[in-house]
C-alpha cells in the first residue's frame, strides 16, 4: 500500500443461611445435612442458567410451548428443565401471536413482550432469541438470517434463509446475475447486473423497496455494513484503480480510504466501527490489510501466515478474523486471533466463511453446500444443499 492514503469525497446519486433451633441440647445431624443440602441447591439455582417453560395458554399455546422447548434445546449457555429452574417463561398464544413473560424464581419480572409476526414459527424464534440474550447475554441465532448466492436458476442470484437453512427465499431476478450480498437487520445489499454493468443495490427489508447506492463508471461491488447500520464499505473504481470507499447511506456521500496498486476487495468492519479489514493483491498474491475508516493513515498489512488470503471477516467481538486461504490446489477456511496469534485451519476444501452473530459458529461453503460449524466442539452440519452451486454466504449483522 502507499505511504499516504487518498481521500476522495463524492456525492452519489440514488443512493443460604442455616437456622439453629433455640435451646436445643443436641445436634440433629440429619436435619443439619438436609438444610445444608438445601442451601447448596439454592446457591446453585441462583447462579444457574436454567429455564422452565410453563405450558402456554390459548389456542396455539401447546404448539408454542413445544416449539420453544425445541428451539432452546441444546443451545449453549442455557438448560431447559421441567421444574426447579432459575428462570420461568410463561404466556399465551392465540392464532400464532405470542404474549410472553420471563421471570426469575421469586417473582421478579425480567420482561413482558408481544410477538405478532404472521407465523408462529417466526414469533417463537424471536422469543427464543430474547430469552437467550436475557439469560446468557449472548445474541441468539434462531431469528437471524443468512444470505447467499446460488446458480439454481441458471444465473447467479441472491437468496436468504433462516440460520437453520429453512425458509429459503429468492431475492433477485437479474438477467445478468447478482453477487456479493450482505445483510443487516434492516437492509440487504448486493451487486447486481441488471443493465449488464455492476451496481450496488440496497433493499429495505421492512418495505421491500430498493435503490441503487453505487452505480459509478467501472466497478461497484463488495458491500459490507458498518456496525452502526448507517454506513457501508464497498469497492469502486471510478477514480481509476479500484479502492475501498466508505459511504454514508443517509447522505450518499462516499470517502476513499485506501490508495492501492492492487485490487482491494471483501471489506469487513471491526465491531468498533473504526477499522476495516480487506484483501488486496499487491503483486505477490492476495493478502490482508487493515485501514482506519476515519483517518488518513495508510492501510497496514496484517500478516496471517499465508501467502494467499482472501475474504476476511471480523468476529462479532473483534477478537478474531476468519478468512479463506489457498493450500496447494484447494481452499480452506481459517481463523486467527486479532491483532496477533496463530492461524488455525477450521475446514479444508471450503471457503467463503462468515461468523454467526454470537461468534460461536462459522458458516461456509463446501462442495457447493452451505455448512455451519460449531467452533467449540467442531461439530458441523449441512443446512442448505440441492440448491445449485452455493457461494458467498453472509450472516446477518
Protein backbone atom coordinates (compact mmCIF):
# COMPACT_ATOMS: atom_id res chain seq x y z
CA UNK A 1 0.00 0.00 0.00
CA UNK A 2 1.07 3.59 -0.50
CA UNK A 3 2.59 5.60 2.37
CA UNK A 4 -0.17 8.12 2.10
CA UNK A 5 -3.87 7.34 1.67
CA UNK A 6 -6.03 9.47 -0.55
CA UNK A 7 -9.45 10.68 0.46
CA UNK A 8 -11.99 11.36 -2.25
CA UNK A 9 -15.36 12.65 -1.15
CA UNK A 10 -18.19 12.37 -3.60
CA UNK A 11 -21.98 12.62 -3.61
CA UNK A 12 -23.56 9.52 -5.13
CA UNK A 13 -26.97 9.92 -6.65
CA UNK A 14 -29.77 7.50 -5.54
CA UNK A 15 -28.09 6.30 -3.06
CA UNK A 16 -28.22 -19.52 52.24
CA UNK A 17 -28.35 -19.42 55.83
CA UNK A 18 -28.63 -22.33 58.33
CA UNK A 19 -31.13 -21.77 61.21
CA UNK A 20 -30.48 -23.50 64.61
CA UNK A 21 -33.37 -24.23 66.98
CA UNK A 22 -33.14 -22.08 70.11
CA UNK A 23 -32.43 -24.06 73.29
CA UNK A 24 -31.52 -27.30 71.52
CA UNK A 25 -29.41 -29.59 73.72
CA UNK A 26 -28.22 -31.93 70.95
CA UNK A 27 -27.38 -31.53 67.30
CA UNK A 28 -29.86 -33.17 64.92
CA UNK A 29 -27.34 -34.44 62.37
CA UNK A 30 -29.95 -35.48 59.79
CA UNK A 31 -31.62 -32.06 59.97
CA UNK A 32 -28.27 -30.31 59.50
CA UNK A 33 -27.46 -32.43 56.49
CA UNK A 34 -30.84 -31.72 54.94
CA UNK A 35 -30.60 -27.98 55.45
CA UNK A 36 -27.02 -27.85 54.20
CA UNK A 37 -28.09 -29.67 51.05
CA UNK A 38 -30.98 -27.27 50.52
CA UNK A 39 -28.65 -24.31 50.97
CA UNK A 40 -26.25 -25.56 48.31
CA UNK A 41 -29.14 -26.14 45.92
CA UNK A 42 -30.39 -22.60 46.45
CA UNK A 43 -26.96 -21.17 45.72
CA UNK A 44 -26.61 -23.24 42.59
CA UNK A 45 -30.10 -22.23 41.48
CA UNK A 46 -29.30 -18.55 41.97
CA UNK A 47 -26.39 -18.70 39.53
CA UNK A 48 -27.66 -21.31 37.10
CA UNK A 49 -28.80 -20.51 33.60
CA UNK A 50 -31.75 -22.87 33.73
CA UNK A 51 -35.16 -22.27 32.24
CA UNK A 52 -38.59 -23.81 32.83
CA UNK A 53 -41.17 -23.28 30.10
CA UNK A 54 -44.67 -23.22 31.52
CA UNK A 55 -47.50 -24.53 29.35
CA UNK A 56 -48.70 -21.56 27.33
CA UNK A 57 -52.45 -20.98 27.38
CA UNK A 58 -54.55 -20.20 24.32
CA UNK A 59 -55.49 -21.98 21.14
CA UNK A 60 -51.92 -22.31 19.87
CA UNK A 61 -50.34 -22.33 23.33
CA UNK A 62 -49.39 -26.02 23.33
CA UNK A 63 -47.71 -25.65 19.96
CA UNK A 64 -45.86 -22.54 21.12
CA UNK A 65 -44.57 -24.26 24.29
CA UNK A 66 -43.40 -27.29 22.33
CA UNK A 67 -41.66 -25.25 19.65
CA UNK A 68 -39.95 -23.05 22.26
CA UNK A 69 -38.60 -26.12 24.04
CA UNK A 70 -37.33 -27.49 20.72
CA UNK A 71 -35.76 -24.17 19.77
CA UNK A 72 -33.88 -23.78 23.06
CA UNK A 73 -32.91 -27.46 23.49
CA UNK A 74 -29.17 -27.88 23.14
CA UNK A 75 -28.44 -24.17 22.92
CA UNK A 76 -25.12 -23.42 24.60
CA UNK A 77 -25.36 -21.46 27.84
CA UNK A 78 -28.90 -22.41 28.82
CA UNK A 79 -30.54 -25.61 30.11
CA UNK A 80 -34.26 -26.27 29.76
CA UNK A 81 -35.73 -28.08 32.80
CA UNK A 82 -39.24 -29.23 33.72
CA UNK A 83 -39.08 -27.51 37.12
CA UNK A 84 -36.76 -26.01 39.76
CA UNK A 85 -35.27 -23.64 37.22
CA UNK A 86 -33.96 -20.16 37.91
CA UNK A 87 -35.89 -18.59 35.03
CA UNK A 88 -39.54 -19.20 34.18
CA UNK A 89 -41.12 -18.48 30.81
CA UNK A 90 -44.89 -18.25 30.66
CA UNK A 91 -47.53 -16.76 28.40
CA UNK A 92 -50.30 -17.40 25.93
CA UNK A 93 -50.64 -17.87 22.22
CA UNK A 94 -53.65 -17.24 20.01
CA UNK A 95 -53.52 -17.77 16.25
CA UNK A 96 -49.71 -17.76 16.39
CA UNK A 97 -49.40 -14.45 18.27
CA UNK A 98 -47.32 -14.73 21.45
CA UNK A 99 -47.63 -12.82 24.74
CA UNK A 100 -44.71 -13.90 26.90
CA UNK A 101 -43.35 -13.15 30.36
CA UNK A 102 -39.88 -14.09 31.53
CA UNK A 103 -39.45 -14.11 35.33
CA UNK A 104 -36.87 -15.16 37.87
CA UNK A 105 -37.86 -17.63 40.55
CA UNK A 106 -39.00 -15.44 43.40
CA UNK A 107 -41.25 -13.30 41.24
CA UNK A 108 -39.03 -10.70 39.58
CA UNK A 109 -40.26 -9.98 36.06
CA UNK A 110 -37.48 -9.60 33.51
CA UNK A 111 -39.64 -8.78 30.51
CA UNK A 112 -43.17 -8.88 29.15
CA UNK A 113 -43.34 -8.84 25.36
CA UNK A 114 -45.72 -9.46 22.50
CA UNK A 115 -44.71 -11.13 19.23
CA UNK A 116 -47.15 -10.59 16.39
CA UNK A 117 -45.46 -11.76 13.20
CA UNK A 118 -47.80 -13.56 10.78
CA UNK A 119 -46.44 -17.03 11.59
CA UNK A 120 -45.97 -18.76 14.94
CA UNK A 121 -42.53 -20.02 13.86
CA UNK A 122 -41.14 -16.50 13.47
CA UNK A 123 -42.61 -15.43 16.82
CA UNK A 124 -41.13 -18.46 18.58
CA UNK A 125 -37.70 -17.76 17.10
CA UNK A 126 -37.78 -14.11 18.12
CA UNK A 127 -38.87 -15.01 21.67
CA UNK A 128 -36.19 -17.71 21.94
CA UNK A 129 -33.50 -15.19 20.97
CA UNK A 130 -34.80 -12.64 23.51
CA UNK A 131 -34.80 -15.25 26.28
CA UNK A 132 -31.28 -16.38 25.38
CA UNK A 133 -29.98 -12.81 25.41
CA UNK A 134 -31.50 -12.02 28.85
CA UNK A 135 -30.36 -15.31 30.41
CA UNK A 136 -26.86 -15.52 28.89
CA UNK A 137 -26.09 -12.08 27.47
CA UNK A 138 -25.37 -13.67 24.07
CA UNK A 139 -27.07 -12.99 20.78
CA UNK A 140 -29.33 -15.80 19.65
CA UNK A 141 -29.32 -17.37 16.21
CA UNK A 142 -32.92 -18.51 15.90
CA UNK A 143 -34.23 -15.38 14.21
CA UNK A 144 -31.03 -14.48 12.37
CA UNK A 145 -30.72 -14.94 8.62
CA UNK A 146 -28.04 -15.88 6.13
CA UNK A 147 -27.86 -14.55 2.61
CA UNK A 148 -26.03 -16.40 -0.14
CA UNK A 149 -25.57 -16.72 -3.89
CA UNK A 150 -26.89 -19.68 -5.89
CA UNK A 151 -26.94 -20.51 -9.60
CA UNK A 152 -30.05 -22.69 -9.29
CA UNK A 153 -31.96 -20.55 -11.78
CA UNK A 154 -29.19 -20.70 -14.39
CA UNK A 155 -27.63 -17.40 -13.35
CA UNK A 156 -26.23 -16.37 -10.00
CA UNK A 157 -28.95 -14.81 -7.84
CA UNK A 158 -29.30 -13.74 -4.19
CA UNK A 159 -31.19 -15.90 -1.68
CA UNK A 160 -31.99 -15.53 2.02
CA UNK A 161 -32.67 -18.30 4.57
CA UNK A 162 -33.05 -18.71 8.32
CA UNK A 163 -29.99 -19.76 10.31
CA UNK A 164 -31.14 -23.39 10.27
CA UNK A 165 -31.45 -23.38 6.48
CA UNK A 166 -35.24 -23.15 6.45
CA UNK A 167 -37.48 -20.58 4.74
CA UNK A 168 -35.28 -20.12 1.68
CA UNK A 169 -36.38 -17.18 -0.43
CA UNK A 170 -35.03 -15.86 -3.69
CA UNK A 171 -34.44 -12.12 -3.56
CA UNK A 172 -33.21 -11.15 -7.03
CA UNK A 173 -34.10 -11.86 -10.62
CA UNK A 174 -31.40 -10.06 -12.61
CA UNK A 175 -30.96 -11.16 -16.18
CA UNK A 176 -27.18 -10.94 -15.88
CA UNK A 177 -26.98 -12.17 -12.27
CA UNK A 178 -26.35 -10.81 -8.78
CA UNK A 179 -23.47 -11.49 -6.34
CA UNK A 180 -21.65 -10.26 -3.20
CA UNK A 181 -24.57 -9.97 -0.76
CA UNK A 182 -24.54 -8.52 2.74
CA UNK A 183 -27.39 -8.41 5.24
CA UNK A 184 -28.24 -6.34 8.31
CA UNK A 185 -31.44 -6.37 10.42
CA UNK A 186 -32.81 -3.57 8.23
CA UNK A 187 -31.23 -3.91 4.80
CA UNK A 188 -29.93 -6.33 2.21
CA UNK A 189 -27.26 -5.14 -0.22
CA UNK A 190 -25.74 -6.85 -3.22
CA UNK A 191 -24.05 -6.27 -6.56
CA UNK A 192 -26.45 -6.57 -9.45
CA UNK A 193 -26.02 -6.62 -13.22
CA UNK A 194 -29.50 -5.72 -14.38
CA UNK A 195 -28.08 -3.40 -17.04
CA UNK A 196 -25.02 -5.51 -17.78
CA UNK A 197 -22.84 -3.23 -15.64
CA UNK A 198 -22.23 -3.57 -11.91
CA UNK A 199 -24.31 -1.57 -9.43
CA UNK A 200 -24.69 -1.90 -5.66
CA UNK A 201 -28.37 -2.26 -4.73
CA UNK A 202 -29.83 -1.61 -1.28
CA UNK A 203 -33.10 -3.39 -0.35
CA UNK A 204 -35.24 -2.23 2.58
CA UNK A 205 -36.20 -5.46 4.36
CA UNK A 206 -39.12 -3.74 6.04
CA UNK A 207 -40.89 -2.42 2.98
CA UNK A 208 -39.18 -4.25 0.14
CA UNK A 209 -38.18 -1.10 -1.75
CA UNK A 210 -34.77 -0.97 -3.37
CA UNK A 211 -32.41 1.67 -4.71
CA UNK A 212 -29.01 1.87 -6.34
CA UNK A 213 -26.46 3.30 -3.93
CA UNK A 214 -23.45 2.95 -6.24
CA UNK A 215 -23.63 2.98 -10.00
CA UNK A 216 -20.48 4.84 -10.94
CA UNK A 217 -18.41 4.15 -14.07
CA UNK A 218 -16.38 0.97 -13.66
CA UNK A 219 -16.52 -1.46 -10.74
CA UNK A 220 -19.08 -1.23 -7.89
CA UNK A 221 -19.01 -4.28 -5.63
CA UNK A 222 -18.34 -5.99 -2.29
CA UNK A 223 -20.55 -4.06 0.12
CA UNK A 224 -20.31 -4.52 3.92
CA UNK A 225 -22.49 -2.88 6.58
CA UNK A 226 -20.88 -0.90 9.39
CA UNK A 227 -21.98 -1.77 12.96
CA UNK A 228 -23.97 1.47 13.17
CA UNK A 229 -26.05 0.45 10.16
CA UNK A 230 -25.66 3.94 8.65
CA UNK A 231 -22.52 3.31 6.61
CA UNK A 232 -21.23 0.71 4.20
CA UNK A 233 -17.81 -0.12 2.82
CA UNK A 234 -17.50 -1.15 -0.80
CA UNK A 235 -15.11 -1.26 -3.75
CA UNK A 236 -15.43 1.30 -6.56
CA UNK A 237 -13.12 2.18 -9.43
CA UNK A 238 -14.43 5.47 -10.79
CA UNK A 239 -11.18 7.15 -9.62
CA UNK A 240 -9.13 4.82 -11.82
CA UNK A 241 -7.78 1.96 -9.73
CA UNK A 242 -10.33 0.07 -7.58
CA UNK A 243 -10.35 1.38 -4.00
CA UNK A 244 -12.28 0.86 -0.76
CA UNK A 245 -14.83 3.60 -0.08
CA UNK A 246 -16.97 4.30 2.98
CA UNK A 247 -20.42 5.58 2.12
CA UNK A 248 -23.00 7.24 4.35
CA UNK A 249 -26.38 5.75 3.44
CA UNK A 250 -28.29 8.85 4.52
CA UNK A 251 -26.30 11.44 2.59
CA UNK A 252 -24.99 9.19 -0.23
CA UNK A 253 -21.51 10.67 0.21
CA UNK A 254 -18.52 8.35 -0.10
CA UNK A 255 -14.93 8.73 1.08
CA UNK A 256 -11.98 6.79 -0.35
CA UNK A 257 -9.98 5.17 2.49
CA UNK A 258 -7.28 3.31 0.52
CA UNK A 259 -4.66 4.00 -2.10
CA UNK A 260 -3.57 0.71 -3.58
CA UNK A 261 -1.76 -0.67 -6.58
CA UNK A 262 -3.76 -3.90 -6.46
CA UNK A 263 -7.47 -4.60 -6.30
CA UNK A 264 -8.84 -4.25 -2.75
CA UNK A 265 -11.97 -6.28 -2.10
CA UNK A 266 -14.13 -8.02 0.53
CA UNK A 267 -14.14 -5.29 3.20
CA UNK A 268 -15.30 -6.17 6.72
CA UNK A 269 -15.88 -3.82 9.65
CA UNK A 270 -14.42 -4.20 13.13
CA UNK A 271 -17.19 -4.02 15.78
CA UNK A 272 -15.81 -0.66 16.91
CA UNK A 273 -16.81 0.80 13.54
CA UNK A 274 -13.39 2.43 13.13
CA UNK A 275 -11.38 -0.20 11.26
CA UNK A 276 -11.89 -2.16 8.07
CA UNK A 277 -10.07 -5.32 7.06
CA UNK A 278 -9.89 -6.26 3.39
CA UNK A 279 -7.97 -8.31 0.86
CA UNK A 280 -5.76 -6.86 -1.86
CA UNK A 281 -3.41 -8.29 -4.44
CA UNK A 282 -0.31 -6.13 -4.45
CA UNK A 283 1.63 -8.39 -6.83
CA UNK A 284 2.55 -11.39 -4.64
CA UNK A 285 -0.87 -12.94 -4.17
CA UNK A 286 -3.79 -11.55 -2.18
CA UNK A 287 -3.01 -10.51 1.39
CA UNK A 288 -4.99 -8.92 4.23
CA UNK A 289 -4.83 -5.25 5.19
CA UNK A 290 -6.40 -3.08 7.88
CA UNK A 291 -7.29 0.57 7.41
CA UNK A 292 -8.90 3.12 9.72
CA UNK A 293 -12.18 4.40 8.37
CA UNK A 294 -11.99 8.00 9.63
CA UNK A 295 -8.31 8.99 9.42
CA UNK A 296 -5.81 9.46 6.63
CA UNK A 297 -3.47 6.77 7.96
CA UNK A 298 -2.42 4.30 5.27
CA UNK A 299 -3.61 0.71 5.28
CA UNK A 300 -1.38 -1.70 7.21
CA UNK A 301 -0.56 -5.24 6.11
CA UNK A 302 -1.93 -7.80 8.61
CA UNK A 303 0.22 -10.93 8.42
CA UNK A 304 -1.97 -14.03 8.71
CA UNK A 305 0.71 -16.63 7.96
CA UNK A 306 -0.40 -17.50 4.43
CA UNK A 307 0.72 -16.21 1.04
CA UNK A 308 -2.83 -16.34 -0.31
CA UNK A 309 -5.59 -14.94 1.91
CA UNK A 310 -8.96 -13.51 0.89
CA UNK A 311 -12.49 -12.84 2.17
CA UNK A 312 -11.65 -11.68 5.72
CA UNK A 313 -14.38 -11.10 8.29
CA UNK A 314 -14.03 -9.92 11.88
CA UNK A 315 -15.77 -11.88 14.64
CA UNK A 316 -18.62 -10.10 16.47
CA UNK A 317 -16.31 -9.34 19.43
CA UNK A 318 -13.46 -8.20 17.20
CA UNK A 319 -11.02 -10.71 18.72
CA UNK A 320 -10.68 -13.00 15.71
CA UNK A 321 -10.73 -12.91 11.93
CA UNK A 322 -11.88 -15.68 9.62
CA UNK A 323 -10.64 -15.83 6.03
CA UNK A 324 -10.08 -18.11 3.06
CA UNK A 325 -6.58 -19.43 2.29
CA UNK A 326 -5.16 -21.50 -0.53
CA UNK A 327 -3.39 -24.75 0.36
CA UNK A 328 -1.95 -26.27 -2.78
CA UNK A 329 -4.81 -26.59 -5.24
CA UNK A 330 -7.54 -26.36 -2.60
CA UNK A 331 -9.07 -23.63 -0.50
CA UNK A 332 -9.53 -23.78 3.28
CA UNK A 333 -11.30 -21.76 5.96
CA UNK A 334 -9.03 -20.37 8.65
CA UNK A 335 -9.25 -18.19 11.77
CA UNK A 336 -6.63 -16.12 13.55
CA UNK A 337 -6.75 -14.07 16.76
CA UNK A 338 -6.65 -10.32 16.29
CA UNK A 339 -4.37 -8.44 16.49
CA UNK A 340 -1.88 -11.30 16.83
CA UNK A 341 -1.78 -15.05 17.30
CA UNK A 342 -1.51 -18.32 15.41
CA UNK A 343 -3.76 -19.11 12.48
CA UNK A 344 -5.88 -22.25 12.60
CA UNK A 345 -7.42 -24.20 9.74
CA UNK A 346 -11.09 -24.78 10.57
CA UNK A 347 -12.09 -26.74 7.48
CA UNK A 348 -10.25 -27.96 4.38
CA UNK A 349 -11.79 -27.80 0.92
CA UNK A 350 -14.03 -24.92 1.98
CA UNK A 351 -14.29 -21.17 1.51
CA UNK A 352 -16.49 -18.08 1.96
CA UNK A 353 -16.63 -18.23 5.79
CA UNK A 354 -18.83 -15.92 7.87
CA UNK A 355 -19.36 -15.57 11.65
CA UNK A 356 -22.59 -16.32 13.48
CA UNK A 357 -23.93 -13.34 15.50
CA UNK A 358 -22.83 -14.98 18.78
CA UNK A 359 -19.33 -15.70 17.46
CA UNK A 360 -19.63 -19.39 18.29
CA UNK A 361 -20.01 -20.79 14.78
CA UNK A 362 -18.90 -20.30 11.21
CA UNK A 363 -20.97 -20.76 8.09
CA UNK A 364 -19.05 -21.62 4.93
CA UNK A 365 -19.36 -23.31 1.55
CA UNK A 366 -18.05 -26.79 0.84
CA UNK A 367 -18.80 -28.77 -2.32
CA UNK A 368 -21.46 -26.27 -3.27
CA UNK A 369 -23.38 -26.70 0.00
CA UNK A 370 -23.87 -24.32 2.91
CA UNK A 371 -22.44 -25.67 6.17
CA UNK A 372 -22.45 -24.41 9.76
CA UNK A 373 -19.71 -25.49 12.17
CA UNK A 374 -19.69 -25.08 15.96
CA UNK A 375 -16.21 -23.82 16.87
CA UNK A 376 -16.38 -25.09 20.46
CA UNK A 377 -16.71 -28.77 19.56
CA UNK A 378 -16.07 -28.92 15.82
CA UNK A 379 -19.49 -30.40 15.06
CA UNK A 380 -20.92 -29.30 11.74
CA UNK A 381 -24.00 -29.78 9.62
CA UNK A 382 -25.11 -29.06 6.08
CA UNK A 383 -28.03 -26.63 6.21
CA UNK A 384 -28.63 -25.92 2.51
CA UNK A 385 -27.99 -28.43 -0.27
CA UNK A 386 -29.54 -29.35 -3.58
CA UNK A 387 -29.99 -25.69 -4.41
CA UNK A 388 -27.43 -25.35 -7.17
CA UNK A 389 -23.89 -24.18 -6.55
CA UNK A 390 -23.89 -22.02 -3.40
CA UNK A 391 -21.30 -19.31 -2.73
CA UNK A 392 -20.67 -16.12 -0.78
CA UNK A 393 -22.78 -16.68 2.37
CA UNK A 394 -23.03 -13.77 4.79
CA UNK A 395 -24.64 -13.96 8.22
CA UNK A 396 -26.87 -11.12 9.34
CA UNK A 397 -25.03 -8.24 11.04
